[in-house]
Amino acid sequence: MAADSGHAESVNEPIGHPTGGLPTPLAETLRYGPFHRALREAIAHRGLSLARLRAHLEQLGVQVGQSTLSYWQRGLRHPEVPRAISTVRALETVLRLPPSS
């Protein structure tokens, strides 16, 4: 049994990954993956089309093709590290996800 740290945590919240009010299934997918499923669920939760998502990213100075986003959410391709780290961080911002989720 773990010692009480004095912090209240939701039973549905993965430890070390605050969900910021996200639905439990999305929070779990963000934590455990796979990436394409987490991206697809986050986009659906936010209610954005890929075109709108791309436009929001562009406003943040991130250039990414709509086809690339489509490939990523279907699992046909994955972001290439380290080049795509800034894009993934911008996706977290636009999709209102916790940092490093």
C-alpha atoms as a PDB file:
ATOM      1  CA  MET A   1       0.000   0.000   0.000  1.00  0.00           C
ATOM      2  CA  ALA A   2       1.375   3.413  -0.937  1.00  0.00           C
ATOM      3  CA  ALA A   3       1.766   6.155   1.638  1.00  0.00           C
ATOM      4  CA  ASP A   4      -0.715   8.992   1.441  1.00  0.00           C
ATOM      5  CA  SER A   5       0.988  11.940  -0.237  1.00  0.00           C
ATOM      6  CA  GLY A   6      -1.737  14.338   0.757  1.00  0.00           C
ATOM      7  CA  HIS A   7      -2.764  14.857  -2.872  1.00  0.00           C
ATOM      8  CA  ALA A   8      -6.203  13.758  -3.970  1.00  0.00           C
ATOM      9  CA  GLU A   9      -6.056  11.823  -7.220  1.00  0.00           C
ATOM     10  CA  SER A  10      -8.958  10.449  -9.200  1.00  0.00           C
ATOM     11  CA  VAL A  11      -9.026   6.675  -9.443  1.00  0.00           C
ATOM     12  CA  ASN A  12      -9.501   7.068 -13.213  1.00  0.00           C
ATOM     13  CA  GLU A  13      -6.481   9.363 -13.606  1.00  0.00           C
ATOM     14  CA  PRO A  14      -3.212   7.677 -14.556  1.00  0.00           C
ATOM     15  CA  ILE A  15      -0.535   8.500 -11.980  1.00  0.00           C
ATOM     16  CA  GLY A  16       1.836  11.199 -13.141  1.00  0.00           C
ATOM     17  CA  HIS A  17      -0.387  12.154 -16.060  1.00  0.00           C
ATOM     18  CA  PRO A  18      -3.091  14.618 -15.059  1.00  0.00           C
ATOM     19  CA  THR A  19      -5.912  14.353 -17.553  1.00  0.00           C
ATOM     20  CA  GLY A  20      -7.138  17.911 -17.260  1.00  0.00           C
ATOM     21  CA  GLY A  21     -10.751  16.779 -17.338  1.00  0.00           C
ATOM     22  CA  LEU A  22     -10.381  14.480 -20.341  1.00  0.00           C
ATOM     23  CA  PRO A  23     -12.653  11.439 -20.598  1.00  0.00           C
ATOM     24  CA  THR A  24     -11.057   8.365 -19.025  1.00  0.00           C
ATOM     25  CA  PRO A  25     -10.831   6.371 -22.300  1.00  0.00           C
ATOM     26  CA  LEU A  26      -8.960   9.237 -24.000  1.00  0.00           C
ATOM     27  CA  ALA A  27      -6.682   9.714 -20.987  1.00  0.00           C
ATOM     28  CA  GLU A  28      -5.842   6.004 -21.004  1.00  0.00           C
ATOM     29  CA  THR A  29      -5.156   6.003 -24.734  1.00  0.00           C
ATOM     30  CA  LEU A  30      -2.892   9.034 -24.336  1.00  0.00           C
ATOM     31  CA  ARG A  31      -0.954   7.192 -21.664  1.00  0.00           C
ATOM     32  CA  TYR A  32      -0.745   3.732 -23.236  1.00  0.00           C
ATOM     33  CA  GLY A  33      -1.133   4.351 -26.978  1.00  0.00           C
ATOM     34  CA  PRO A  34      -0.858   3.568 -29.710  1.00  0.00           C
ATOM     35  CA  PHE A  35      -0.096   7.047 -31.041  1.00  0.00           C
ATOM     36  CA  HIS A  36      -2.503   6.903 -33.992  1.00  0.00           C
ATOM     37  CA  ARG A  37      -5.441   5.922 -31.807  1.00  0.00           C
ATOM     38  CA  ALA A  38      -4.635   8.627 -29.246  1.00  0.00           C
ATOM     39  CA  LEU A  39      -4.407  11.241 -31.997  1.00  0.00           C
ATOM     40  CA  ARG A  40      -7.662  10.112 -33.604  1.00  0.00           C
ATOM     41  CA  GLU A  41      -9.517  10.134 -30.264  1.00  0.00           C
ATOM     42  CA  ALA A  42      -8.103  13.544 -29.281  1.00  0.00           C
ATOM     43  CA  ILE A  43      -9.130  15.050 -32.619  1.00  0.00           C
ATOM     44  CA  ALA A  44     -12.632  13.597 -32.270  1.00  0.00           C
ATOM     45  CA  HIS A  45     -12.897  14.831 -28.667  1.00  0.00           C
ATOM     46  CA  ARG A  46     -11.935  18.354 -29.762  1.00  0.00           C
ATOM     47  CA  GLY A  47     -14.388  18.160 -32.685  1.00  0.00           C
ATOM     48  CA  LEU A  48     -11.971  19.406 -35.336  1.00  0.00           C
ATOM     49  CA  SER A  49     -11.631  18.371 -38.942  1.00  0.00           C
ATOM     50  CA  LEU A  50      -8.106  17.748 -40.172  1.00  0.00           C
ATOM     51  CA  ALA A  51      -8.322  20.952 -42.206  1.00  0.00           C
ATOM     52  CA  ARG A  52      -9.210  22.992 -39.103  1.00  0.00           C
ATOM     53  CA  LEU A  53      -6.534  21.226 -37.068  1.00  0.00           C
ATOM     54  CA  ARG A  54      -3.936  22.055 -39.710  1.00  0.00           C
ATOM     55  CA  ALA A  55      -5.102  25.696 -39.748  1.00  0.00           C
ATOM     56  CA  HIS A  56      -4.735  25.940 -35.958  1.00  0.00           C
ATOM     57  CA  LEU A  57      -1.249  24.446 -36.178  1.00  0.00           C
ATOM     58  CA  GLU A  58      -0.346  26.950 -38.873  1.00  0.00           C
ATOM     59  CA  GLN A  59      -1.409  29.795 -36.565  1.00  0.00           C
ATOM     60  CA  LEU A  60       1.169  28.453 -34.102  1.00  0.00           C
ATOM     61  CA  GLY A  61       3.806  28.555 -36.829  1.00  0.00           C
ATOM     62  CA  VAL A  62       3.809  24.802 -37.435  1.00  0.00           C
ATOM     63  CA  GLN A  63       3.667  23.678 -41.044  1.00  0.00           C
ATOM     64  CA  VAL A  64       2.270  20.165 -41.488  1.00  0.00           C
ATOM     65  CA  GLY A  65       0.272  18.760 -44.358  1.00  0.00           C
ATOM     66  CA  GLN A  66      -3.283  17.586 -43.941  1.00  0.00           C
ATOM     67  CA  SER A  67      -2.247  14.319 -45.611  1.00  0.00           C
ATOM     68  CA  THR A  68       0.493  13.873 -42.983  1.00  0.00           C
ATOM     69  CA  LEU A  69      -2.042  14.325 -40.184  1.00  0.00           C
ATOM     70  CA  SER A  70      -4.294  11.806 -41.912  1.00  0.00           C
ATOM     71  CA  TYR A  71      -1.470   9.270 -42.198  1.00  0.00           C
ATOM     72  CA  TRP A  72      -0.613   9.779 -38.531  1.00  0.00           C
ATOM     73  CA  GLN A  73      -4.157   9.292 -37.278  1.00  0.00           C
ATOM     74  CA  ARG A  74      -4.614   6.156 -39.389  1.00  0.00           C
ATOM     75  CA  GLY A  75      -1.331   4.644 -38.219  1.00  0.00           C
ATOM     76  CA  LEU A  76       0.165   4.587 -41.709  1.00  0.00           C
ATOM     77  CA  ARG A  77       3.046   6.810 -40.592  1.00  0.00           C
ATOM     78  CA  HIS A  78       4.408   8.117 -37.311  1.00  0.00           C
ATOM     79  CA  PRO A  79       6.013  11.443 -36.401  1.00  0.00           C
ATOM     80  CA  GLU A  80       9.749  11.262 -36.991  1.00  0.00           C
ATOM     81  CA  VAL A  81      11.701  12.096 -33.871  1.00  0.00           C
ATOM     82  CA  PRO A  82      13.322  14.576 -33.274  1.00  0.00           C
ATOM     83  CA  ARG A  83      12.084  16.552 -36.264  1.00  0.00           C
ATOM     84  CA  ALA A  84       8.392  16.244 -35.382  1.00  0.00           C
ATOM     85  CA  ILE A  85       8.635  16.945 -31.641  1.00  0.00           C
ATOM     86  CA  SER A  86       7.584  20.583 -32.105  1.00  0.00           C
ATOM     87  CA  THR A  87       4.616  19.442 -34.206  1.00  0.00           C
ATOM     88  CA  VAL A  88       3.510  16.936 -31.563  1.00  0.00           C
ATOM     89  CA  ARG A  89       3.827  19.614 -28.847  1.00  0.00           C
ATOM     90  CA  ALA A  90       1.720  21.973 -30.976  1.00  0.00           C
ATOM     91  CA  LEU A  91      -0.859  19.202 -31.438  1.00  0.00           C
ATOM     92  CA  GLU A  92      -1.093  18.921 -27.647  1.00  0.00           C
ATOM     93  CA  THR A  93      -1.753  22.651 -27.446  1.00  0.00           C
ATOM     94  CA  VAL A  94      -4.393  22.748 -30.183  1.00  0.00           C
ATOM     95  CA  LEU A  95      -6.113  19.578 -28.955  1.00  0.00           C
ATOM     96  CA  ARG A  96      -6.015  20.902 -25.363  1.00  0.00           C
ATOM     97  CA  LEU A  97      -4.073  17.934 -24.054  1.00  0.00           C
ATOM     98  CA  PRO A  98      -1.758  17.867 -21.051  1.00  0.00           C
ATOM     99  CA  PRO A  99       1.885  18.605 -21.916  1.00  0.00           C
ATOM    100  CA  SER A 100       3.928  15.515 -22.820  1.00  0.00           C
ATOM    101  CA  SER A 101       0.822  13.389 -23.041  1.00  0.00           C
END
